[in-house]
PDB file of N, CA and C in Angstrom:
ATOM      1  N   MET A   1       0.860  -1.182   0.000  1.00  0.00           N
ATOM      2  CA  MET A   1       0.000   0.000   0.000  1.00  0.00           C
ATOM      3  C   MET A   1       0.892   1.226   0.000  1.00  0.00           C
ATOM      4  N   GLY A   2       0.922   1.978  -1.090  1.00  0.00           N
ATOM      5  CA  GLY A   2       1.793   3.130  -1.210  1.00  0.00           C
ATOM      6  C   GLY A   2       1.117   4.437  -0.851  1.00  0.00           C
ATOM      7  N   LYS A   3      -0.179   4.406  -0.581  1.00  0.00           N
ATOM      8  CA  LYS A   3      -0.897   5.639  -0.256  1.00  0.00           C
ATOM      9  C   LYS A   3      -0.677   6.030   1.193  1.00  0.00           C
ATOM     10  N   SER A   4      -0.966   7.306   1.479  1.00  0.00           N
ATOM     11  CA  SER A   4      -0.808   7.774   2.847  1.00  0.00           C
ATOM     12  C   SER A   4      -2.073   7.567   3.676  1.00  0.00           C
ATOM     13  N   LYS A   5      -3.155   7.143   3.053  1.00  0.00           N
ATOM     14  CA  LYS A   5      -4.386   6.887   3.802  1.00  0.00           C
ATOM     15  C   LYS A   5      -5.089   5.673   3.226  1.00  0.00           C
ATOM     16  N   LEU A   6      -5.906   5.069   4.052  1.00  0.00           N
ATOM     17  CA  LEU A   6      -6.678   3.901   3.663  1.00  0.00           C
ATOM     18  C   LEU A   6      -8.149   4.286   3.736  1.00  0.00           C
ATOM     19  N   THR A   7      -8.829   4.271   2.612  1.00  0.00           N
ATOM     20  CA  THR A   7     -10.244   4.625   2.577  1.00  0.00           C
ATOM     21  C   THR A   7     -11.099   3.383   2.803  1.00  0.00           C
ATOM     22  N   LYS A   8     -12.394   3.603   2.997  1.00  0.00           N
ATOM     23  CA  LYS A   8     -13.312   2.486   3.199  1.00  0.00           C
ATOM     24  C   LYS A   8     -13.329   1.579   1.964  1.00  0.00           C
ATOM     25  N   SER A   9     -13.302   2.151   0.778  1.00  0.00           N
ATOM     26  CA  SER A   9     -13.305   1.322  -0.433  1.00  0.00           C
ATOM     27  C   SER A   9     -11.993   0.541  -0.565  1.00  0.00           C
ATOM     28  N   ASP A  10     -10.868   1.123  -0.134  1.00  0.00           N
ATOM     29  CA  ASP A  10      -9.599   0.383  -0.118  1.00  0.00           C
ATOM     30  C   ASP A  10      -9.701  -0.807   0.829  1.00  0.00           C
ATOM     31  N   LEU A  11     -10.308  -0.592   1.985  1.00  0.00           N
ATOM     32  CA  LEU A  11     -10.487  -1.647   2.972  1.00  0.00           C
ATOM     33  C   LEU A  11     -11.357  -2.770   2.406  1.00  0.00           C
ATOM     34  N   VAL A  12     -12.422  -2.395   1.722  1.00  0.00           N
ATOM     35  CA  VAL A  12     -13.305  -3.393   1.098  1.00  0.00           C
ATOM     36  C   VAL A  12     -12.517  -4.206   0.073  1.00  0.00           C
ATOM     37  N   ASN A  13     -11.709  -3.533  -0.738  1.00  0.00           N
ATOM     38  CA  ASN A  13     -10.909  -4.237  -1.746  1.00  0.00           C
ATOM     39  C   ASN A  13      -9.898  -5.184  -1.107  1.00  0.00           C
ATOM     40  N   LEU A  14      -9.282  -4.764   0.001  1.00  0.00           N
ATOM     41  CA  LEU A  14      -8.335  -5.632   0.702  1.00  0.00           C
ATOM     42  C   LEU A  14      -9.032  -6.869   1.261  1.00  0.00           C
ATOM     43  N   ILE A  15     -10.220  -6.672   1.826  1.00  0.00           N
ATOM     44  CA  ILE A  15     -10.979  -7.806   2.375  1.00  0.00           C
ATOM     45  C   ILE A  15     -11.408  -8.749   1.254  1.00  0.00           C
ATOM     46  N   CYS A  16     -11.864  -8.191   0.141  1.00  0.00           N
ATOM     47  CA  CYS A  16     -12.315  -9.019  -0.984  1.00  0.00           C
ATOM     48  C   CYS A  16     -11.178  -9.861  -1.567  1.00  0.00           C
ATOM     49  N   GLY A  17      -9.948  -9.415  -1.416  1.00  0.00           N
ATOM     50  CA  GLY A  17      -8.803 -10.146  -1.935  1.00  0.00           C
ATOM     51  C   GLY A  17      -8.316 -11.259  -1.029  1.00  0.00           C
ATOM     52  N   GLN A  18      -8.863 -11.390   0.168  1.00  0.00           N
ATOM     53  CA  GLN A  18      -8.454 -12.434   1.120  1.00  0.00           C
ATOM     54  C   GLN A  18      -8.922 -13.803   0.622  1.00  0.00           C
ATOM     55  N   ASP A  19      -8.073 -14.815   0.805  1.00  0.00           N
ATOM     56  CA  ASP A  19      -8.394 -16.175   0.353  1.00  0.00           C
ATOM     57  C   ASP A  19      -9.695 -16.695   0.953  1.00  0.00           C
ATOM     58  N   GLU A  20      -9.932 -16.424   2.250  1.00  0.00           N
ATOM     59  CA  GLU A  20     -11.134 -16.920   2.909  1.00  0.00           C
ATOM     60  C   GLU A  20     -12.395 -16.349   2.273  1.00  0.00           C
ATOM     61  N   ILE A  21     -12.334 -15.099   1.865  1.00  0.00           N
ATOM     62  CA  ILE A  21     -13.492 -14.445   1.235  1.00  0.00           C
ATOM     63  C   ILE A  21     -13.697 -15.004  -0.170  1.00  0.00           C
ATOM     64  N   LEU A  22     -12.603 -15.217  -0.888  1.00  0.00           N
ATOM     65  CA  LEU A  22     -12.704 -15.765  -2.244  1.00  0.00           C
ATOM     66  C   LEU A  22     -13.273 -17.187  -2.216  1.00  0.00           C
ATOM     67  N   GLU A  23     -12.929 -17.969  -1.188  1.00  0.00           N
ATOM     68  CA  GLU A  23     -13.415 -19.355  -1.082  1.00  0.00           C
ATOM     69  C   GLU A  23     -14.922 -19.435  -0.873  1.00  0.00           C
ATOM     70  N   VAL A  24     -15.495 -18.508  -0.118  1.00  0.00           N
ATOM     71  CA  VAL A  24     -16.932 -18.568   0.158  1.00  0.00           C
ATOM     72  C   VAL A  24     -17.742 -17.758  -0.844  1.00  0.00           C
ATOM     73  N   ASN A  25     -17.062 -17.159  -1.816  1.00  0.00           N
ATOM     74  CA  ASN A  25     -17.718 -16.463  -2.924  1.00  0.00           C
ATOM     75  C   ASN A  25     -18.645 -15.334  -2.443  1.00  0.00           C
ATOM     76  N   VAL A  26     -18.134 -14.465  -1.598  1.00  0.00           N
ATOM     77  CA  VAL A  26     -18.885 -13.312  -1.119  1.00  0.00           C
ATOM     78  C   VAL A  26     -18.641 -12.153  -2.084  1.00  0.00           C
ATOM     79  N   SER A  27     -19.689 -11.445  -2.455  1.00  0.00           N
ATOM     80  CA  SER A  27     -19.545 -10.357  -3.420  1.00  0.00           C
ATOM     81  C   SER A  27     -18.937  -9.115  -2.767  1.00  0.00           C
ATOM     82  N   LYS A  28     -18.392  -8.259  -3.612  1.00  0.00           N
ATOM     83  CA  LYS A  28     -17.816  -6.997  -3.137  1.00  0.00           C
ATOM     84  C   LYS A  28     -18.901  -6.132  -2.488  1.00  0.00           C
ATOM     85  N   TYR A  29     -20.098  -6.171  -3.025  1.00  0.00           N
ATOM     86  CA  TYR A  29     -21.221  -5.418  -2.470  1.00  0.00           C
ATOM     87  C   TYR A  29     -21.544  -5.897  -1.057  1.00  0.00           C
ATOM     88  N   GLN A  30     -21.542  -7.208  -0.840  1.00  0.00           N
ATOM     89  CA  GLN A  30     -21.824  -7.761   0.480  1.00  0.00           C
ATOM     90  C   GLN A  30     -20.744  -7.356   1.483  1.00  0.00           C
ATOM     91  N   VAL A  31     -19.486  -7.405   1.066  1.00  0.00           N
ATOM     92  CA  VAL A  31     -18.389  -6.990   1.946  1.00  0.00           C
ATOM     93  C   VAL A  31     -18.525  -5.507   2.283  1.00  0.00           C
ATOM     94  N   ALA A  32     -18.824  -4.688   1.291  1.00  0.00           N
ATOM     95  CA  ALA A  32     -18.991  -3.244   1.514  1.00  0.00           C
ATOM     96  C   ALA A  32     -20.138  -2.973   2.484  1.00  0.00           C
ATOM     97  N   THR A  33     -21.221  -3.729   2.365  1.00  0.00           N
ATOM     98  CA  THR A  33     -22.367  -3.572   3.268  1.00  0.00           C
ATOM     99  C   THR A  33     -21.972  -3.917   4.700  1.00  0.00           C
ATOM    100  N   VAL A  34     -21.249  -5.006   4.883  1.00  0.00           N
ATOM    101  CA  VAL A  34     -20.830  -5.419   6.226  1.00  0.00           C
ATOM    102  C   VAL A  34     -19.869  -4.393   6.826  1.00  0.00           C
ATOM    103  N   VAL A  35     -18.908  -3.910   6.051  1.00  0.00           N
ATOM    104  CA  VAL A  35     -17.956  -2.906   6.546  1.00  0.00           C
ATOM    105  C   VAL A  35     -18.693  -1.633   6.944  1.00  0.00           C
ATOM    106  N   SER A  36     -19.606  -1.172   6.107  1.00  0.00           N
ATOM    107  CA  SER A  36     -20.373   0.043   6.402  1.00  0.00           C
ATOM    108  C   SER A  36     -21.224  -0.128   7.654  1.00  0.00           C
ATOM    109  N   LYS A  37     -21.886  -1.279   7.773  1.00  0.00           N
ATOM    110  CA  LYS A  37     -22.724  -1.544   8.951  1.00  0.00           C
ATOM    111  C   LYS A  37     -21.877  -1.622  10.218  1.00  0.00           C
ATOM    112  N   PHE A  38     -20.695  -2.240  10.123  1.00  0.00           N
ATOM    113  CA  PHE A  38     -19.807  -2.339  11.265  1.00  0.00           C
ATOM    114  C   PHE A  38     -19.390  -0.942  11.736  1.00  0.00           C
ATOM    115  N   ILE A  39     -18.969  -0.110  10.819  1.00  0.00           N
ATOM    116  CA  ILE A  39     -18.519   1.246  11.164  1.00  0.00           C
ATOM    117  C   ILE A  39     -19.673   2.057  11.743  1.00  0.00           C
ATOM    118  N   GLU A  40     -20.839   1.980  11.139  1.00  0.00           N
ATOM    119  CA  GLU A  40     -22.005   2.732  11.608  1.00  0.00           C
ATOM    120  C   GLU A  40     -22.439   2.263  13.000  1.00  0.00           C
ATOM    121  N   THR A  41     -22.464   0.946  13.212  1.00  0.00           N
ATOM    122  CA  THR A  41     -22.850   0.408  14.520  1.00  0.00           C
ATOM    123  C   THR A  41     -21.844   0.807  15.587  1.00  0.00           C
ATOM    124  N   LEU A  42     -20.565   0.748  15.262  1.00  0.00           N
ATOM    125  CA  LEU A  42     -19.519   1.150  16.209  1.00  0.00           C
ATOM    126  C   LEU A  42     -19.673   2.624  16.575  1.00  0.00           C
ATOM    127  N   ARG A  43     -19.931   3.467  15.594  1.00  0.00           N
ATOM    128  CA  ARG A  43     -20.124   4.901  15.841  1.00  0.00           C
ATOM    129  C   ARG A  43     -21.329   5.141  16.752  1.00  0.00           C
ATOM    130  N   GLN A  44     -22.434   4.460  16.482  1.00  0.00           N
ATOM    131  CA  GLN A  44     -23.636   4.622  17.295  1.00  0.00           C
ATOM    132  C   GLN A  44     -23.401   4.171  18.728  1.00  0.00           C
ATOM    133  N   GLU A  45     -22.693   3.069  18.903  1.00  0.00           N
ATOM    134  CA  GLU A  45     -22.433   2.558  20.245  1.00  0.00           C
ATOM    135  C   GLU A  45     -21.467   3.468  21.009  1.00  0.00           C
ATOM    136  N   ILE A  46     -20.505   4.057  20.330  1.00  0.00           N
ATOM    137  CA  ILE A  46     -19.585   4.998  20.976  1.00  0.00           C
ATOM    138  C   ILE A  46     -20.353   6.229  21.448  1.00  0.00           C
ATOM    139  N   GLU A  47     -21.311   6.689  20.660  1.00  0.00           N
ATOM    140  CA  GLU A  47     -22.121   7.847  21.043  1.00  0.00           C
ATOM    141  C   GLU A  47     -22.933   7.568  22.310  1.00  0.00           C
ATOM    142  N   LYS A  48     -23.342   6.319  22.526  1.00  0.00           N
ATOM    143  CA  LYS A  48     -24.156   5.954  23.684  1.00  0.00           C
ATOM    144  C   LYS A  48     -23.337   5.758  24.960  1.00  0.00           C
ATOM    145  N   LEU A  49     -22.013   5.638  24.825  1.00  0.00           N
ATOM    146  CA  LEU A  49     -21.176   5.297  25.974  1.00  0.00           C
ATOM    147  C   LEU A  49     -21.196   6.364  27.060  1.00  0.00           C
ATOM    148  N   ASP A  50     -21.114   5.880  28.280  1.00  0.00           N
ATOM    149  CA  ASP A  50     -20.907   6.730  29.445  1.00  0.00           C
ATOM    150  C   ASP A  50     -19.397   6.771  29.674  1.00  0.00           C
ATOM    151  N   SER A  51     -18.909   7.732  30.437  1.00  0.00           N
ATOM    152  CA  SER A  51     -17.462   7.847  30.627  1.00  0.00           C
ATOM    153  C   SER A  51     -16.857   6.653  31.368  1.00  0.00           C
ATOM    154  N   SER A  52     -17.679   5.831  32.018  1.00  0.00           N
ATOM    155  CA  SER A  52     -17.159   4.659  32.715  1.00  0.00           C
ATOM    156  C   SER A  52     -17.222   3.398  31.849  1.00  0.00           C
ATOM    157  N   GLU A  53     -17.784   3.501  30.649  1.00  0.00           N
ATOM    158  CA  GLU A  53     -17.933   2.346  29.762  1.00  0.00           C
ATOM    159  C   GLU A  53     -16.934   2.430  28.613  1.00  0.00           C
ATOM    160  N   ARG A  54     -16.709   1.275  27.971  1.00  0.00           N
ATOM    161  CA  ARG A  54     -15.815   1.266  26.814  1.00  0.00           C
ATOM    162  C   ARG A  54     -16.157   0.093  25.904  1.00  0.00           C
ATOM    163  N   ILE A  55     -15.653   0.160  24.688  1.00  0.00           N
ATOM    164  CA  ILE A  55     -15.816  -0.914  23.716  1.00  0.00           C
ATOM    165  C   ILE A  55     -14.419  -1.448  23.428  1.00  0.00           C
ATOM    166  N   GLU A  56     -14.227  -2.733  23.674  1.00  0.00           N
ATOM    167  CA  GLU A  56     -12.899  -3.327  23.505  1.00  0.00           C
ATOM    168  C   GLU A  56     -12.908  -4.328  22.362  1.00  0.00           C
ATOM    169  N   LEU A  57     -12.030  -4.129  21.402  1.00  0.00           N
ATOM    170  CA  LEU A  57     -11.838  -5.076  20.309  1.00  0.00           C
ATOM    171  C   LEU A  57     -10.456  -5.698  20.523  1.00  0.00           C
ATOM    172  N   ARG A  58     -10.432  -6.898  21.049  1.00  0.00           N
ATOM    173  CA  ARG A  58      -9.170  -7.555  21.404  1.00  0.00           C
ATOM    174  C   ARG A  58      -8.232  -7.610  20.207  1.00  0.00           C
ATOM    175  N   GLY A  59      -6.988  -7.295  20.448  1.00  0.00           N
ATOM    176  CA  GLY A  59      -5.978  -7.308  19.397  1.00  0.00           C
ATOM    177  C   GLY A  59      -5.962  -6.033  18.575  1.00  0.00           C
ATOM    178  N   PHE A  60      -6.916  -5.148  18.793  1.00  0.00           N
ATOM    179  CA  PHE A  60      -6.987  -3.910  18.017  1.00  0.00           C
ATOM    180  C   PHE A  60      -6.905  -2.698  18.924  1.00  0.00           C
ATOM    181  N   GLY A  61      -7.877  -2.540  19.835  1.00  0.00           N
ATOM    182  CA  GLY A  61      -7.853  -1.407  20.738  1.00  0.00           C
ATOM    183  C   GLY A  61      -9.166  -1.210  21.457  1.00  0.00           C
ATOM    184  N   THR A  62      -9.232  -0.094  22.187  1.00  0.00           N
ATOM    185  CA  THR A  62     -10.392   0.221  23.008  1.00  0.00           C
ATOM    186  C   THR A  62     -10.931   1.597  22.639  1.00  0.00           C
ATOM    187  N   PHE A  63     -12.253   1.681  22.489  1.00  0.00           N
ATOM    188  CA  PHE A  63     -12.928   2.949  22.238  1.00  0.00           C
ATOM    189  C   PHE A  63     -13.640   3.371  23.509  1.00  0.00           C
ATOM    190  N   GLY A  64     -13.658   4.649  23.781  1.00  0.00           N
ATOM    191  CA  GLY A  64     -14.364   5.150  24.947  1.00  0.00           C
ATOM    192  C   GLY A  64     -14.637   6.634  24.807  1.00  0.00           C
ATOM    193  N   VAL A  65     -15.234   7.217  25.831  1.00  0.00           N
ATOM    194  CA  VAL A  65     -15.483   8.663  25.843  1.00  0.00           C
ATOM    195  C   VAL A  65     -14.979   9.236  27.158  1.00  0.00           C
ATOM    196  N   ARG A  66     -14.523  10.449  27.090  1.00  0.00           N
ATOM    197  CA  ARG A  66     -14.117  11.186  28.276  1.00  0.00           C
ATOM    198  C   ARG A  66     -15.018  12.401  28.386  1.00  0.00           C
ATOM    199  N   GLN A  67     -15.380  12.725  29.599  1.00  0.00           N
ATOM    200  CA  GLN A  67     -16.216  13.901  29.844  1.00  0.00           C
ATOM    201  C   GLN A  67     -15.313  15.119  29.973  1.00  0.00           C
ATOM    202  N   ARG A  68     -15.481  16.108  29.116  1.00  0.00           N
ATOM    203  CA  ARG A  68     -14.714  17.348  29.171  1.00  0.00           C
ATOM    204  C   ARG A  68     -15.518  18.376  29.952  1.00  0.00           C
ATOM    205  N   LYS A  69     -14.856  19.071  30.840  1.00  0.00           N
ATOM    206  CA  LYS A  69     -15.523  20.090  31.653  1.00  0.00           C
ATOM    207  C   LYS A  69     -15.777  21.350  30.822  1.00  0.00           C
ATOM    208  N   ALA A  70     -16.771  22.114  31.250  1.00  0.00           N
ATOM    209  CA  ALA A  70     -17.015  23.414  30.629  1.00  0.00           C
ATOM    210  C   ALA A  70     -15.833  24.318  30.957  1.00  0.00           C
ATOM    211  N   ARG A  71     -15.493  25.206  30.029  1.00  0.00           N
ATOM    212  CA  ARG A  71     -14.352  26.092  30.261  1.00  0.00           C
ATOM    213  C   ARG A  71     -14.515  27.374  29.470  1.00  0.00           C
ATOM    214  N   VAL A  72     -13.653  28.321  29.772  1.00  0.00           N
ATOM    215  CA  VAL A  72     -13.631  29.580  29.037  1.00  0.00           C
ATOM    216  C   VAL A  72     -12.405  29.549  28.144  1.00  0.00           C
ATOM    217  N   ALA A  73     -12.620  29.711  26.849  1.00  0.00           N
ATOM    218  CA  ALA A  73     -11.531  29.739  25.877  1.00  0.00           C
ATOM    219  C   ALA A  73     -11.408  31.160  25.324  1.00  0.00           C
ATOM    220  N   ARG A  74     -10.378  31.358  24.503  1.00  0.00           N
ATOM    221  CA  ARG A  74     -10.156  32.678  23.927  1.00  0.00           C
ATOM    222  C   ARG A  74     -10.108  32.552  22.414  1.00  0.00           C
ATOM    223  N   ASN A  75     -10.865  33.408  21.742  1.00  0.00           N
ATOM    224  CA  ASN A  75     -10.819  33.471  20.291  1.00  0.00           C
ATOM    225  C   ASN A  75      -9.522  34.187  19.917  1.00  0.00           C
ATOM    226  N   PRO A  76      -8.571  33.512  19.268  1.00  0.00           N
ATOM    227  CA  PRO A  76      -7.287  34.139  18.987  1.00  0.00           C
ATOM    228  C   PRO A  76      -7.375  35.306  17.995  1.00  0.00           C
ATOM    229  N   LYS A  77      -8.398  35.318  17.178  1.00  0.00           N
ATOM    230  CA  LYS A  77      -8.542  36.383  16.187  1.00  0.00           C
ATOM    231  C   LYS A  77      -9.005  37.689  16.826  1.00  0.00           C
ATOM    232  N   THR A  78      -9.950  37.582  17.770  1.00  0.00           N
ATOM    233  CA  THR A  78     -10.539  38.791  18.361  1.00  0.00           C
ATOM    234  C   THR A  78     -10.140  38.982  19.825  1.00  0.00           C
ATOM    235  N   ASN A  79      -9.414  38.012  20.397  1.00  0.00           N
ATOM    236  CA  ASN A  79      -9.054  38.035  21.811  1.00  0.00           C
ATOM    237  C   ASN A  79     -10.272  38.044  22.739  1.00  0.00           C
ATOM    238  N   GLU A  80     -11.393  37.646  22.234  1.00  0.00           N
ATOM    239  CA  GLU A  80     -12.639  37.634  22.995  1.00  0.00           C
ATOM    240  C   GLU A  80     -12.793  36.299  23.720  1.00  0.00           C
ATOM    241  N   ASN A  81     -13.283  36.320  24.958  1.00  0.00           N
ATOM    242  CA  ASN A  81     -13.540  35.087  25.711  1.00  0.00           C
ATOM    243  C   ASN A  81     -14.780  34.395  25.167  1.00  0.00           C
ATOM    244  N   VAL A  82     -14.701  33.059  25.079  1.00  0.00           N
ATOM    245  CA  VAL A  82     -15.794  32.256  24.553  1.00  0.00           C
ATOM    246  C   VAL A  82     -16.064  31.130  25.548  1.00  0.00           C
ATOM    247  N   ASN A  83     -17.319  30.935  25.925  1.00  0.00           N
ATOM    248  CA  ASN A  83     -17.689  29.845  26.826  1.00  0.00           C
ATOM    249  C   ASN A  83     -17.835  28.561  26.019  1.00  0.00           C
ATOM    250  N   VAL A  84     -17.083  27.542  26.416  1.00  0.00           N
ATOM    251  CA  VAL A  84     -17.155  26.234  25.768  1.00  0.00           C
ATOM    252  C   VAL A  84     -17.902  25.306  26.723  1.00  0.00           C
ATOM    253  N   PRO A  85     -19.044  24.740  26.288  1.00  0.00           N
ATOM    254  CA  PRO A  85     -19.848  23.893  27.185  1.00  0.00           C
ATOM    255  C   PRO A  85     -19.171  22.544  27.444  1.00  0.00           C
ATOM    256  N   ALA A  86     -19.608  21.857  28.491  1.00  0.00           N
ATOM    257  CA  ALA A  86     -19.133  20.503  28.785  1.00  0.00           C
ATOM    258  C   ALA A  86     -19.579  19.593  27.646  1.00  0.00           C
ATOM    259  N   ARG A  87     -18.763  18.581  27.373  1.00  0.00           N
ATOM    260  CA  ARG A  87     -19.103  17.677  26.274  1.00  0.00           C
ATOM    261  C   ARG A  87     -18.403  16.346  26.454  1.00  0.00           C
ATOM    262  N   LYS A  88     -18.854  15.373  25.694  1.00  0.00           N
ATOM    263  CA  LYS A  88     -18.196  14.077  25.643  1.00  0.00           C
ATOM    264  C   LYS A  88     -17.180  14.107  24.503  1.00  0.00           C
ATOM    265  N   SER A  89     -16.015  13.521  24.744  1.00  0.00           N
ATOM    266  CA  SER A  89     -14.968  13.481  23.734  1.00  0.00           C
ATOM    267  C   SER A  89     -14.546  12.027  23.514  1.00  0.00           C
ATOM    268  N   PRO A  90     -14.682  11.510  22.282  1.00  0.00           N
ATOM    269  CA  PRO A  90     -14.314  10.124  22.040  1.00  0.00           C
ATOM    270  C   PRO A  90     -12.790   9.948  22.022  1.00  0.00           C
ATOM    271  N   TYR A  91     -12.332   8.741  22.383  1.00  0.00           N
ATOM    272  CA  TYR A  91     -10.914   8.441  22.290  1.00  0.00           C
ATOM    273  C   TYR A  91     -10.723   6.996  21.855  1.00  0.00           C
ATOM    274  N   PHE A  92      -9.526   6.708  21.382  1.00  0.00           N
ATOM    275  CA  PHE A  92      -9.139   5.357  20.993  1.00  0.00           C
ATOM    276  C   PHE A  92      -7.788   5.049  21.614  1.00  0.00           C
ATOM    277  N   LYS A  93      -7.709   3.933  22.309  1.00  0.00           N
ATOM    278  CA  LYS A  93      -6.454   3.497  22.908  1.00  0.00           C
ATOM    279  C   LYS A  93      -5.989   2.255  22.150  1.00  0.00           C
ATOM    280  N   VAL A  94      -4.799   2.320  21.593  1.00  0.00           N
ATOM    281  CA  VAL A  94      -4.261   1.240  20.775  1.00  0.00           C
ATOM    282  C   VAL A  94      -4.043  -0.007  21.623  1.00  0.00           C
ATOM    283  N   GLY A  95      -4.396  -1.163  21.064  1.00  0.00           N
ATOM    284  CA  GLY A  95      -4.234  -2.429  21.757  1.00  0.00           C
ATOM    285  C   GLY A  95      -2.781  -2.884  21.803  1.00  0.00           C
ATOM    286  N   ARG A  96      -2.528  -3.867  22.641  1.00  0.00           N
ATOM    287  CA  ARG A  96      -1.172  -4.367  22.869  1.00  0.00           C
ATOM    288  C   ARG A  96      -0.508  -4.868  21.585  1.00  0.00           C
ATOM    289  N   HIS A  97      -1.249  -5.600  20.751  1.00  0.00           N
ATOM    290  CA  HIS A  97      -0.674  -6.175  19.533  1.00  0.00           C
ATOM    291  C   HIS A  97      -0.254  -5.087  18.543  1.00  0.00           C
ATOM    292  N   LEU A  98      -1.061  -4.056  18.407  1.00  0.00           N
ATOM    293  CA  LEU A  98      -0.686  -2.947  17.514  1.00  0.00           C
ATOM    294  C   LEU A  98       0.468  -2.140  18.097  1.00  0.00           C
ATOM    295  N   ARG A  99       0.452  -1.955  19.396  1.00  0.00           N
ATOM    296  CA  ARG A  99       1.528  -1.210  20.048  1.00  0.00           C
ATOM    297  C   ARG A  99       2.862  -1.927  19.894  1.00  0.00           C
ATOM    298  N   ALA A 100       2.825  -3.260  19.897  1.00  0.00           N
ATOM    299  CA  ALA A 100       4.033  -4.056  19.745  1.00  0.00           C
ATOM    300  C   ALA A 100       4.665  -3.867  18.376  1.00  0.00           C
ATOM    301  N   MET A 101       3.873  -3.515  17.366  1.00  0.00           N
ATOM    302  CA  MET A 101       4.402  -3.258  16.028  1.00  0.00           C
ATOM    303  C   MET A 101       5.378  -2.095  16.048  1.00  0.00           C
ATOM    304  N   ASP A 102       5.142  -1.146  16.900  1.00  0.00           N
ATOM    305  CA  ASP A 102       5.978   0.049  16.982  1.00  0.00           C
ATOM    306  C   ASP A 102       7.389  -0.308  17.439  1.00  0.00           C
ATOM    307  N   LYS A 103       7.513  -1.374  18.209  1.00  0.00           N
ATOM    308  CA  LYS A 103       8.809  -1.744  18.796  1.00  0.00           C
ATOM    309  C   LYS A 103       9.627  -2.642  17.877  1.00  0.00           C
ATOM    310  N   LYS A 104       9.043  -3.086  16.771  1.00  0.00           N
ATOM    311  CA  LYS A 104       9.761  -3.967  15.844  1.00  0.00           C
ATOM    312  C   LYS A 104      10.634  -3.185  14.904  1.00  0.00           C
TER     313      LYS A 104
END
């Protein structure tokens, strides 16, 4: 892969090229549907998370949310103070197997 990013369609093409997928004769459309549904379901579940909950995909990583406090920020263009409300902020923590790649 010589590109600097991997798109959803690139991911679908990589999955479609796997021997296991070729053996069961799954169409590219079916793979694309499953990938899209997986991403959409993961996004919806992350939105529902409380700050004490998380979604763990073993061998890949953990998704969760952190509660950010309300604060006063400054608009750098006008130097005016801006109130930023409290909000949930999603995060991803890399799993052990992916982290180990960095050390190789």
